[in-house]
Amino acid sequence: MPKRSAEYLNERREQILAGARAAFARHGFEATTIALLEKEIGVSRGAIFHYWPNKLAIFVDLADRDAERFVSGIPLEGGPEAVVEYWMEQFVAEPDWIRVYFEAGRMMRNDAELIRRWRERSDRFGKPLAEMVRRWQAEGLVRDDLSDEQVLTWLFTLTDGLGLQLAWAPEPKPEDYRMLPALAAAALAPPTEKM
């Protein structure tokens, strides 16, 4: 068997992950079998198992990578409006990503390993996001009577709802949601004093 270059192996791994994301998004975790992945991606079972020991390992790898990419790209400047705009763009550009995200959330309720990984990820991203909110508060972009955790919970609740709408609507119309970034900024803005 000829030796494969590291570049080739990495490209093959990325090809499998992209195909797996599409399959998990379309069929869900349980219905996506290794045989289905072979057929839809066009690679052998051996190629898949070269990188991962099982289907769950592929799914967890996808969930970890996607969460890392998604959260690490959050714009730290511009306040809540910029964050909601960023998330909207991501959801529209990659609907399979958000479908896999929700599938991971569904599965996490009953899987200790997924819960552990989610907590690790939350710990890793929690501090920078909390600092972002405190900076917004210092700049007067966000009300200071809410904790950073409350602001983030509100933002994640809003964007999860938006993600559900865009991911599962038969014909999603992103333009119908264009008012959300401005509404998010207004909802979290410090109250104006009345004379």
N, C-alpha and C. Protein backbone atom coordinates (compact mmCIF):
# COMPACT_ATOMS: atom_id res chain seq x y z
N MET A 1 0.85 -1.18 0.00
CA MET A 1 0.00 0.00 0.00
C MET A 1 0.90 1.24 0.00
N PRO A 2 0.68 2.17 -0.93
CA PRO A 2 1.52 3.37 -0.98
C PRO A 2 1.28 4.25 0.24
N LYS A 3 2.36 4.89 0.67
CA LYS A 3 2.27 5.80 1.82
C LYS A 3 1.59 7.09 1.37
N ARG A 4 0.63 7.56 2.17
CA ARG A 4 -0.12 8.79 1.84
C ARG A 4 0.53 9.97 2.55
N SER A 5 0.52 11.12 1.90
CA SER A 5 1.09 12.32 2.52
C SER A 5 0.16 12.83 3.62
N ALA A 6 0.73 13.60 4.52
CA ALA A 6 -0.07 14.18 5.60
C ALA A 6 -1.15 15.09 5.02
N GLU A 7 -0.84 15.78 3.95
CA GLU A 7 -1.82 16.66 3.31
C GLU A 7 -3.00 15.86 2.75
N TYR A 8 -2.69 14.74 2.10
CA TYR A 8 -3.75 13.88 1.57
C TYR A 8 -4.63 13.34 2.70
N LEU A 9 -4.00 12.87 3.77
CA LEU A 9 -4.75 12.32 4.90
C LEU A 9 -5.64 13.38 5.54
N ASN A 10 -5.13 14.59 5.64
CA ASN A 10 -5.94 15.68 6.21
C ASN A 10 -7.10 16.03 5.30
N GLU A 11 -6.86 16.09 3.99
CA GLU A 11 -7.94 16.39 3.04
C GLU A 11 -9.01 15.29 3.10
N ARG A 12 -8.59 14.04 3.18
CA ARG A 12 -9.54 12.93 3.26
C ARG A 12 -10.37 13.04 4.55
N ARG A 13 -9.72 13.36 5.66
CA ARG A 13 -10.42 13.52 6.94
C ARG A 13 -11.48 14.62 6.83
N GLU A 14 -11.10 15.74 6.24
CA GLU A 14 -12.04 16.86 6.08
C GLU A 14 -13.19 16.48 5.15
N GLN A 15 -12.91 15.72 4.10
CA GLN A 15 -13.95 15.25 3.19
C GLN A 15 -14.95 14.38 3.94
N ILE A 16 -14.45 13.49 4.77
CA ILE A 16 -15.33 12.60 5.53
C ILE A 16 -16.16 13.41 6.52
N LEU A 17 -15.53 14.37 7.21
CA LEU A 17 -16.28 15.19 8.17
C LEU A 17 -17.37 16.00 7.48
N ALA A 18 -17.07 16.58 6.33
CA ALA A 18 -18.08 17.36 5.61
C ALA A 18 -19.25 16.47 5.19
N GLY A 19 -18.94 15.29 4.68
CA GLY A 19 -20.00 14.37 4.30
C GLY A 19 -20.80 13.88 5.49
N ALA A 20 -20.10 13.63 6.59
CA ALA A 20 -20.79 13.18 7.81
C ALA A 20 -21.71 14.28 8.34
N ARG A 21 -21.26 15.54 8.29
CA ARG A 21 -22.10 16.66 8.74
C ARG A 21 -23.39 16.69 7.93
N ALA A 22 -23.27 16.57 6.63
CA ALA A 22 -24.45 16.59 5.77
C ALA A 22 -25.37 15.41 6.09
N ALA A 23 -24.79 14.24 6.30
CA ALA A 23 -25.61 13.05 6.60
C ALA A 23 -26.29 13.18 7.95
N PHE A 24 -25.56 13.60 8.98
CA PHE A 24 -26.16 13.76 10.30
C PHE A 24 -27.25 14.84 10.28
N ALA A 25 -27.01 15.90 9.51
CA ALA A 25 -28.01 16.97 9.42
C ALA A 25 -29.28 16.49 8.72
N ARG A 26 -29.13 15.66 7.72
CA ARG A 26 -30.26 15.20 6.93
C ARG A 26 -31.01 14.05 7.59
N HIS A 27 -30.27 13.12 8.22
CA HIS A 27 -30.89 11.89 8.72
C HIS A 27 -30.96 11.79 10.24
N GLY A 28 -30.20 12.64 10.95
CA GLY A 28 -30.11 12.48 12.40
C GLY A 28 -29.04 11.47 12.75
N PHE A 29 -28.65 11.45 14.02
CA PHE A 29 -27.57 10.57 14.44
C PHE A 29 -27.93 9.10 14.30
N GLU A 30 -29.08 8.71 14.85
CA GLU A 30 -29.44 7.28 14.87
C GLU A 30 -29.57 6.69 13.47
N ALA A 31 -30.17 7.41 12.55
CA ALA A 31 -30.41 6.87 11.21
C ALA A 31 -29.17 6.92 10.32
N THR A 32 -28.14 7.66 10.74
CA THR A 32 -26.91 7.72 9.95
C THR A 32 -26.02 6.55 10.35
N THR A 33 -25.94 5.57 9.48
CA THR A 33 -25.11 4.40 9.74
C THR A 33 -23.77 4.55 9.03
N ILE A 34 -22.83 3.71 9.40
CA ILE A 34 -21.54 3.72 8.69
C ILE A 34 -21.76 3.37 7.22
N ALA A 35 -22.66 2.44 6.94
CA ALA A 35 -22.96 2.08 5.55
C ALA A 35 -23.50 3.29 4.79
N LEU A 36 -24.36 4.07 5.43
CA LEU A 36 -24.90 5.27 4.79
C LEU A 36 -23.77 6.27 4.54
N LEU A 37 -22.88 6.43 5.51
CA LEU A 37 -21.75 7.35 5.32
C LEU A 37 -20.88 6.90 4.15
N GLU A 38 -20.61 5.59 4.06
CA GLU A 38 -19.82 5.06 2.94
C GLU A 38 -20.47 5.45 1.61
N LYS A 39 -21.77 5.22 1.53
CA LYS A 39 -22.50 5.47 0.29
C LYS A 39 -22.54 6.97 -0.04
N GLU A 40 -22.89 7.79 0.93
CA GLU A 40 -23.06 9.23 0.65
C GLU A 40 -21.75 9.97 0.46
N ILE A 41 -20.70 9.56 1.17
CA ILE A 41 -19.42 10.26 1.05
C ILE A 41 -18.58 9.67 -0.07
N GLY A 42 -18.81 8.39 -0.36
CA GLY A 42 -18.04 7.75 -1.41
C GLY A 42 -16.67 7.27 -0.94
N VAL A 43 -16.59 6.89 0.33
CA VAL A 43 -15.35 6.34 0.87
C VAL A 43 -15.65 4.99 1.51
N SER A 44 -14.61 4.22 1.74
CA SER A 44 -14.80 2.90 2.33
C SER A 44 -14.91 2.97 3.85
N ARG A 45 -15.43 1.91 4.40
CA ARG A 45 -15.52 1.76 5.86
C ARG A 45 -14.12 1.87 6.47
N GLY A 46 -13.14 1.28 5.81
CA GLY A 46 -11.76 1.34 6.30
C GLY A 46 -11.24 2.77 6.36
N ALA A 47 -11.59 3.58 5.36
CA ALA A 47 -11.16 4.98 5.38
C ALA A 47 -11.79 5.72 6.55
N ILE A 48 -13.05 5.45 6.83
CA ILE A 48 -13.72 6.09 7.96
C ILE A 48 -13.07 5.65 9.27
N PHE A 49 -12.89 4.34 9.44
CA PHE A 49 -12.34 3.83 10.69
C PHE A 49 -10.84 4.11 10.84
N HIS A 50 -10.19 4.56 9.80
CA HIS A 50 -8.79 5.00 9.92
C HIS A 50 -8.69 6.21 10.85
N TYR A 51 -9.72 7.03 10.86
CA TYR A 51 -9.70 8.27 11.63
C TYR A 51 -10.49 8.18 12.95
N TRP A 52 -11.56 7.44 12.96
CA TRP A 52 -12.44 7.37 14.14
C TRP A 52 -12.79 5.92 14.45
N PRO A 53 -12.94 5.59 15.74
CA PRO A 53 -13.26 4.20 16.09
C PRO A 53 -14.72 3.83 15.87
N ASN A 54 -15.61 4.86 15.81
CA ASN A 54 -17.04 4.56 15.66
C ASN A 54 -17.79 5.82 15.23
N LYS A 55 -19.06 5.67 15.00
CA LYS A 55 -19.91 6.77 14.53
C LYS A 55 -19.99 7.89 15.56
N LEU A 56 -20.10 7.54 16.83
CA LEU A 56 -20.19 8.57 17.87
C LEU A 56 -18.93 9.42 17.89
N ALA A 57 -17.78 8.83 17.70
CA ALA A 57 -16.53 9.59 17.68
C ALA A 57 -16.52 10.61 16.54
N ILE A 58 -17.07 10.23 15.39
CA ILE A 58 -17.17 11.18 14.27
C ILE A 58 -18.08 12.34 14.67
N PHE A 59 -19.22 11.99 15.24
CA PHE A 59 -20.20 13.01 15.62
C PHE A 59 -19.62 13.96 16.66
N VAL A 60 -18.95 13.42 17.65
CA VAL A 60 -18.36 14.25 18.72
C VAL A 60 -17.26 15.14 18.14
N ASP A 61 -16.46 14.61 17.23
CA ASP A 61 -15.42 15.41 16.58
C ASP A 61 -16.06 16.58 15.83
N LEU A 62 -17.14 16.30 15.10
CA LEU A 62 -17.86 17.36 14.38
C LEU A 62 -18.39 18.42 15.34
N ALA A 63 -19.06 17.97 16.39
CA ALA A 63 -19.66 18.90 17.35
C ALA A 63 -18.59 19.78 17.99
N ASP A 64 -17.47 19.18 18.39
CA ASP A 64 -16.39 19.95 19.00
C ASP A 64 -15.81 20.97 18.03
N ARG A 65 -15.50 20.53 16.83
CA ARG A 65 -14.90 21.43 15.84
C ARG A 65 -15.85 22.57 15.47
N ASP A 66 -17.11 22.23 15.26
CA ASP A 66 -18.07 23.26 14.85
C ASP A 66 -18.29 24.28 15.96
N ALA A 67 -18.39 23.80 17.20
CA ALA A 67 -18.58 24.73 18.31
C ALA A 67 -17.37 25.64 18.46
N GLU A 68 -16.20 25.08 18.34
CA GLU A 68 -14.97 25.87 18.43
C GLU A 68 -14.95 26.96 17.37
N ARG A 69 -15.23 26.57 16.14
CA ARG A 69 -15.22 27.52 15.03
C ARG A 69 -16.30 28.60 15.20
N PHE A 70 -17.45 28.15 15.60
CA PHE A 70 -18.58 29.06 15.71
C PHE A 70 -18.38 30.09 16.81
N VAL A 71 -17.98 29.63 17.99
CA VAL A 71 -17.82 30.55 19.13
C VAL A 71 -16.57 31.40 18.97
N SER A 72 -15.50 30.83 18.43
CA SER A 72 -14.26 31.61 18.30
C SER A 72 -14.39 32.73 17.28
N GLY A 73 -15.39 32.66 16.40
CA GLY A 73 -15.58 33.70 15.40
C GLY A 73 -16.47 34.85 15.85
N ILE A 74 -17.01 34.77 17.05
CA ILE A 74 -17.91 35.83 17.54
C ILE A 74 -17.17 37.17 17.54
N PRO A 75 -17.75 38.19 16.94
CA PRO A 75 -17.11 39.51 16.95
C PRO A 75 -17.16 40.10 18.37
N LEU A 76 -15.99 40.45 18.89
CA LEU A 76 -15.94 40.97 20.25
C LEU A 76 -16.30 42.45 20.31
N GLU A 77 -16.28 43.11 19.19
CA GLU A 77 -16.64 44.52 19.12
C GLU A 77 -18.03 44.66 18.50
N GLY A 78 -18.69 45.73 18.80
CA GLY A 78 -19.97 46.01 18.16
C GLY A 78 -21.20 45.66 18.98
N GLY A 79 -21.01 45.03 20.12
CA GLY A 79 -22.13 44.76 21.01
C GLY A 79 -23.02 43.62 20.54
N PRO A 80 -24.16 43.48 21.22
CA PRO A 80 -25.08 42.38 20.93
C PRO A 80 -25.56 42.37 19.47
N GLU A 81 -25.73 43.52 18.89
CA GLU A 81 -26.21 43.57 17.50
C GLU A 81 -25.24 42.85 16.57
N ALA A 82 -23.94 43.09 16.74
CA ALA A 82 -22.94 42.44 15.88
C ALA A 82 -22.92 40.93 16.11
N VAL A 83 -23.10 40.50 17.36
CA VAL A 83 -23.10 39.06 17.66
C VAL A 83 -24.29 38.38 17.00
N VAL A 84 -25.47 38.95 17.12
CA VAL A 84 -26.66 38.33 16.52
C VAL A 84 -26.54 38.34 14.99
N GLU A 85 -26.00 39.41 14.42
CA GLU A 85 -25.78 39.45 12.97
C GLU A 85 -24.82 38.33 12.54
N TYR A 86 -23.75 38.16 13.30
CA TYR A 86 -22.78 37.11 12.98
C TYR A 86 -23.45 35.74 13.01
N TRP A 87 -24.21 35.46 14.06
CA TRP A 87 -24.86 34.16 14.16
C TRP A 87 -25.87 33.95 13.03
N MET A 88 -26.61 34.99 12.69
CA MET A 88 -27.56 34.87 11.57
C MET A 88 -26.83 34.49 10.29
N GLU A 89 -25.72 35.16 10.03
CA GLU A 89 -24.94 34.87 8.82
C GLU A 89 -24.47 33.42 8.81
N GLN A 90 -24.01 32.94 9.96
CA GLN A 90 -23.53 31.56 10.06
C GLN A 90 -24.66 30.57 9.82
N PHE A 91 -25.82 30.83 10.41
CA PHE A 91 -26.95 29.91 10.27
C PHE A 91 -27.40 29.83 8.82
N VAL A 92 -27.43 30.97 8.14
CA VAL A 92 -27.87 31.00 6.75
C VAL A 92 -26.84 30.35 5.85
N ALA A 93 -25.56 30.63 6.10
CA ALA A 93 -24.49 30.09 5.26
C ALA A 93 -24.33 28.58 5.42
N GLU A 94 -24.56 28.07 6.63
CA GLU A 94 -24.31 26.65 6.89
C GLU A 94 -25.46 26.02 7.70
N PRO A 95 -26.60 25.80 7.05
CA PRO A 95 -27.73 25.22 7.78
C PRO A 95 -27.43 23.82 8.33
N ASP A 96 -26.55 23.06 7.67
CA ASP A 96 -26.20 21.74 8.21
C ASP A 96 -25.50 21.86 9.56
N TRP A 97 -24.70 22.91 9.71
CA TRP A 97 -24.01 23.11 10.99
C TRP A 97 -25.03 23.23 12.12
N ILE A 98 -26.03 24.07 11.94
CA ILE A 98 -26.99 24.31 13.03
C ILE A 98 -27.83 23.06 13.28
N ARG A 99 -28.12 22.29 12.25
CA ARG A 99 -28.89 21.05 12.46
C ARG A 99 -28.08 20.05 13.29
N VAL A 100 -26.78 19.94 13.04
CA VAL A 100 -25.93 19.04 13.83
C VAL A 100 -25.80 19.57 15.25
N TYR A 101 -25.73 20.89 15.41
CA TYR A 101 -25.67 21.51 16.74
C TYR A 101 -26.89 21.11 17.56
N PHE A 102 -28.07 21.19 16.98
CA PHE A 102 -29.28 20.82 17.71
C PHE A 102 -29.36 19.31 17.94
N GLU A 103 -28.86 18.54 17.00
CA GLU A 103 -28.82 17.09 17.19
C GLU A 103 -27.90 16.75 18.38
N ALA A 104 -26.78 17.43 18.48
CA ALA A 104 -25.87 17.21 19.62
C ALA A 104 -26.56 17.60 20.93
N GLY A 105 -27.28 18.70 20.93
CA GLY A 105 -28.01 19.11 22.12
C GLY A 105 -29.05 18.09 22.53
N ARG A 106 -29.73 17.52 21.57
CA ARG A 106 -30.73 16.49 21.86
C ARG A 106 -30.06 15.26 22.46
N MET A 107 -28.96 14.85 21.89
CA MET A 107 -28.27 13.65 22.36
C MET A 107 -27.61 13.86 23.72
N MET A 108 -27.20 15.09 23.99
CA MET A 108 -26.45 15.37 25.20
C MET A 108 -27.25 15.07 26.47
N ARG A 109 -28.54 15.15 26.39
CA ARG A 109 -29.35 14.90 27.59
C ARG A 109 -29.09 13.54 28.19
N ASN A 110 -28.70 12.56 27.38
CA ASN A 110 -28.55 11.19 27.86
C ASN A 110 -27.14 10.63 27.69
N ASP A 111 -26.16 11.47 27.39
CA ASP A 111 -24.83 10.95 27.13
C ASP A 111 -23.81 11.69 28.00
N ALA A 112 -23.25 10.98 28.96
CA ALA A 112 -22.32 11.59 29.92
C ALA A 112 -21.09 12.16 29.22
N GLU A 113 -20.60 11.48 28.19
CA GLU A 113 -19.41 11.96 27.48
C GLU A 113 -19.69 13.28 26.77
N LEU A 114 -20.83 13.39 26.13
CA LEU A 114 -21.18 14.65 25.47
C LEU A 114 -21.38 15.77 26.49
N ILE A 115 -21.98 15.45 27.62
CA ILE A 115 -22.15 16.45 28.68
C ILE A 115 -20.79 16.93 29.17
N ARG A 116 -19.86 16.01 29.39
CA ARG A 116 -18.52 16.38 29.85
C ARG A 116 -17.83 17.30 28.84
N ARG A 117 -17.90 16.93 27.58
CA ARG A 117 -17.27 17.76 26.55
C ARG A 117 -17.93 19.14 26.45
N TRP A 118 -19.24 19.20 26.58
CA TRP A 118 -19.94 20.48 26.54
C TRP A 118 -19.48 21.36 27.69
N ARG A 119 -19.33 20.78 28.88
CA ARG A 119 -18.86 21.56 30.03
C ARG A 119 -17.45 22.07 29.83
N GLU A 120 -16.58 21.23 29.28
CA GLU A 120 -15.21 21.67 29.00
C GLU A 120 -15.21 22.84 28.02
N ARG A 121 -16.02 22.72 26.98
CA ARG A 121 -16.10 23.77 25.98
C ARG A 121 -16.66 25.04 26.61
N SER A 122 -17.68 24.90 27.43
CA SER A 122 -18.28 26.06 28.10
C SER A 122 -17.26 26.74 28.99
N ASP A 123 -16.47 25.95 29.71
CA ASP A 123 -15.44 26.52 30.57
C ASP A 123 -14.41 27.28 29.74
N ARG A 124 -14.04 26.73 28.59
CA ARG A 124 -13.02 27.34 27.74
C ARG A 124 -13.51 28.66 27.14
N PHE A 125 -14.77 28.71 26.74
CA PHE A 125 -15.29 29.92 26.10
C PHE A 125 -15.98 30.87 27.06
N GLY A 126 -16.35 30.38 28.23
CA GLY A 126 -17.11 31.19 29.17
C GLY A 126 -16.41 32.46 29.59
N LYS A 127 -15.14 32.36 29.94
CA LYS A 127 -14.42 33.54 30.43
C LYS A 127 -14.30 34.63 29.37
N PRO A 128 -13.86 34.31 28.13
CA PRO A 128 -13.78 35.38 27.12
C PRO A 128 -15.14 36.00 26.80
N LEU A 129 -16.20 35.20 26.80
CA LEU A 129 -17.53 35.75 26.51
C LEU A 129 -18.00 36.63 27.66
N ALA A 130 -17.73 36.22 28.90
CA ALA A 130 -18.11 37.05 30.05
C ALA A 130 -17.34 38.38 30.02
N GLU A 131 -16.07 38.32 29.66
CA GLU A 131 -15.28 39.56 29.54
C GLU A 131 -15.84 40.46 28.45
N MET A 132 -16.30 39.86 27.35
CA MET A 132 -16.90 40.62 26.26
C MET A 132 -18.12 41.38 26.78
N VAL A 133 -18.98 40.70 27.54
CA VAL A 133 -20.19 41.35 28.07
C VAL A 133 -19.81 42.47 29.03
N ARG A 134 -18.84 42.24 29.88
CA ARG A 134 -18.43 43.29 30.83
C ARG A 134 -17.87 44.50 30.09
N ARG A 135 -17.17 44.26 28.99
CA ARG A 135 -16.66 45.38 28.18
C ARG A 135 -17.83 46.15 27.57
N TRP A 136 -18.84 45.42 27.08
CA TRP A 136 -20.03 46.10 26.55
C TRP A 136 -20.68 46.95 27.62
N GLN A 137 -20.75 46.42 28.83
CA GLN A 137 -21.36 47.18 29.92
C GLN A 137 -20.55 48.43 30.23
N ALA A 138 -19.22 48.32 30.23
CA ALA A 138 -18.36 49.47 30.49
C ALA A 138 -18.50 50.53 29.39
N GLU A 139 -18.76 50.07 28.18
CA GLU A 139 -18.92 50.99 27.04
C GLU A 139 -20.33 51.55 26.94
N GLY A 140 -21.24 51.11 27.82
CA GLY A 140 -22.61 51.60 27.79
C GLY A 140 -23.48 50.96 26.72
N LEU A 141 -23.05 49.82 26.17
CA LEU A 141 -23.83 49.14 25.14
C LEU A 141 -24.87 48.19 25.73
N VAL A 142 -24.61 47.72 26.96
CA VAL A 142 -25.47 46.73 27.59
C VAL A 142 -25.76 47.19 29.02
N ARG A 143 -26.98 47.00 29.45
CA ARG A 143 -27.38 47.38 30.81
C ARG A 143 -26.51 46.66 31.83
N ASP A 144 -26.23 47.36 32.93
CA ASP A 144 -25.34 46.79 33.94
C ASP A 144 -26.08 46.19 35.13
N ASP A 145 -27.40 46.13 35.07
CA ASP A 145 -28.15 45.50 36.15
C ASP A 145 -28.32 44.00 35.91
N LEU A 146 -27.76 43.49 34.81
CA LEU A 146 -27.77 42.07 34.51
C LEU A 146 -26.34 41.54 34.62
N SER A 147 -26.20 40.31 35.08
CA SER A 147 -24.88 39.70 35.13
C SER A 147 -24.47 39.28 33.72
N ASP A 148 -23.17 39.05 33.55
CA ASP A 148 -22.71 38.60 32.23
C ASP A 148 -23.37 37.27 31.88
N GLU A 149 -23.60 36.42 32.87
CA GLU A 149 -24.26 35.13 32.62
C GLU A 149 -25.70 35.34 32.14
N GLN A 150 -26.41 36.30 32.71
CA GLN A 150 -27.78 36.56 32.29
C GLN A 150 -27.82 37.10 30.85
N VAL A 151 -26.89 37.99 30.52
CA VAL A 151 -26.84 38.54 29.17
C VAL A 151 -26.54 37.43 28.16
N LEU A 152 -25.57 36.58 28.48
CA LEU A 152 -25.22 35.50 27.56
C LEU A 152 -26.36 34.49 27.43
N THR A 153 -27.03 34.18 28.54
CA THR A 153 -28.17 33.26 28.48
C THR A 153 -29.25 33.84 27.56
N TRP A 154 -29.51 35.11 27.68
CA TRP A 154 -30.52 35.77 26.84
C TRP A 154 -30.10 35.70 25.37
N LEU A 155 -28.83 36.03 25.09
CA LEU A 155 -28.36 36.00 23.70
C LEU A 155 -28.41 34.59 23.11
N PHE A 156 -27.96 33.59 23.88
CA PHE A 156 -27.97 32.22 23.38
C PHE A 156 -29.41 31.72 23.19
N THR A 157 -30.31 32.12 24.05
CA THR A 157 -31.71 31.72 23.89
C THR A 157 -32.29 32.31 22.61
N LEU A 158 -32.02 33.58 22.38
CA LEU A 158 -32.48 34.24 21.15
C LEU A 158 -31.90 33.56 19.91
N THR A 159 -30.59 33.33 19.92
CA THR A 159 -29.98 32.78 18.72
C THR A 159 -30.31 31.31 18.53
N ASP A 160 -30.51 30.56 19.61
CA ASP A 160 -30.96 29.17 19.44
C ASP A 160 -32.34 29.15 18.78
N GLY A 161 -33.22 30.04 19.22
CA GLY A 161 -34.54 30.12 18.59
C GLY A 161 -34.45 30.49 17.13
N LEU A 162 -33.58 31.45 16.83
CA LEU A 162 -33.36 31.85 15.44
C LEU A 162 -32.82 30.67 14.63
N GLY A 163 -31.85 29.97 15.22
CA GLY A 163 -31.28 28.81 14.53
C GLY A 163 -32.32 27.75 14.24
N LEU A 164 -33.20 27.48 15.19
CA LEU A 164 -34.27 26.50 14.96
C LEU A 164 -35.16 26.94 13.81
N GLN A 165 -35.53 28.20 13.81
CA GLN A 165 -36.39 28.71 12.74
C GLN A 165 -35.74 28.54 11.37
N LEU A 166 -34.46 28.93 11.27
CA LEU A 166 -33.79 28.89 9.97
C LEU A 166 -33.42 27.47 9.56
N ALA A 167 -33.13 26.61 10.53
CA ALA A 167 -32.69 25.25 10.20
C ALA A 167 -33.83 24.34 9.80
N TRP A 168 -35.00 24.54 10.36
CA TRP A 168 -36.08 23.57 10.15
C TRP A 168 -37.26 24.10 9.37
N ALA A 169 -37.29 25.38 9.07
CA ALA A 169 -38.40 25.91 8.26
C ALA A 169 -38.32 25.31 6.86
N PRO A 170 -39.46 24.94 6.27
CA PRO A 170 -39.43 24.35 4.92
C PRO A 170 -38.76 25.27 3.91
N GLU A 171 -39.05 26.54 4.00
CA GLU A 171 -38.43 27.52 3.11
C GLU A 171 -38.02 28.73 3.96
N PRO A 172 -36.88 28.64 4.65
CA PRO A 172 -36.49 29.74 5.53
C PRO A 172 -36.25 31.02 4.74
N LYS A 173 -36.70 32.12 5.32
CA LYS A 173 -36.52 33.42 4.69
C LYS A 173 -35.75 34.30 5.66
N PRO A 174 -34.42 34.33 5.52
CA PRO A 174 -33.59 35.11 6.45
C PRO A 174 -34.01 36.57 6.55
N GLU A 175 -34.54 37.11 5.47
CA GLU A 175 -34.95 38.52 5.50
C GLU A 175 -36.05 38.77 6.54
N ASP A 176 -36.81 37.73 6.87
CA ASP A 176 -37.86 37.89 7.88
C ASP A 176 -37.29 38.12 9.27
N TYR A 177 -36.01 37.84 9.45
CA TYR A 177 -35.38 37.93 10.77
C TYR A 177 -34.37 39.07 10.86
N ARG A 178 -34.30 39.91 9.84
CA ARG A 178 -33.30 40.98 9.80
C ARG A 178 -33.46 42.00 10.93
N MET A 179 -34.63 42.05 11.55
CA MET A 179 -34.83 43.02 12.61
C MET A 179 -34.25 42.55 13.95
N LEU A 180 -33.91 41.26 14.06
CA LEU A 180 -33.46 40.70 15.33
C LEU A 180 -32.19 41.33 15.89
N PRO A 181 -31.14 41.59 15.09
CA PRO A 181 -29.95 42.20 15.69
C PRO A 181 -30.25 43.55 16.36
N ALA A 182 -31.01 44.40 15.69
CA ALA A 182 -31.34 45.70 16.28
C ALA A 182 -32.23 45.54 17.51
N LEU A 183 -33.16 44.59 17.46
CA LEU A 183 -34.01 44.34 18.62
C LEU A 183 -33.20 43.81 19.81
N ALA A 184 -32.20 42.97 19.52
CA ALA A 184 -31.34 42.46 20.59
C ALA A 184 -30.57 43.60 21.24
N ALA A 185 -30.04 44.49 20.43
CA ALA A 185 -29.29 45.63 20.97
C ALA A 185 -30.22 46.52 21.81
N ALA A 186 -31.42 46.76 21.31
CA ALA A 186 -32.37 47.61 22.05
C ALA A 186 -32.81 46.95 23.35
N ALA A 187 -33.03 45.65 23.33
CA ALA A 187 -33.50 44.95 24.54
C ALA A 187 -32.44 44.96 25.64
N LEU A 188 -31.18 44.93 25.26
CA LEU A 188 -30.12 44.88 26.25
C LEU A 188 -29.48 46.24 26.56
N ALA A 189 -29.92 47.27 25.84
CA ALA A 189 -29.35 48.60 26.04
C ALA A 189 -29.73 49.14 27.41
N PRO A 190 -28.83 49.95 28.00
CA PRO A 190 -29.20 50.58 29.28
C PRO A 190 -30.45 51.44 29.11
N PRO A 191 -31.29 51.48 30.13
CA PRO A 191 -32.50 52.32 30.02
C PRO A 191 -32.12 53.78 29.91
N THR A 192 -32.90 54.49 29.11
CA THR A 192 -32.65 55.95 29.00
C THR A 192 -33.42 56.64 30.12
N GLU A 193 -32.81 57.65 30.66
CA GLU A 193 -33.45 58.38 31.75
C GLU A 193 -34.50 59.33 31.18
N LYS A 194 -35.65 59.36 31.86
CA LYS A 194 -36.71 60.27 31.42
C LYS A 194 -36.63 61.55 32.24
N MET A 195 -36.91 62.64 31.59
CA MET A 195 -36.88 63.92 32.29
C MET A 195 -38.18 64.24 32.93
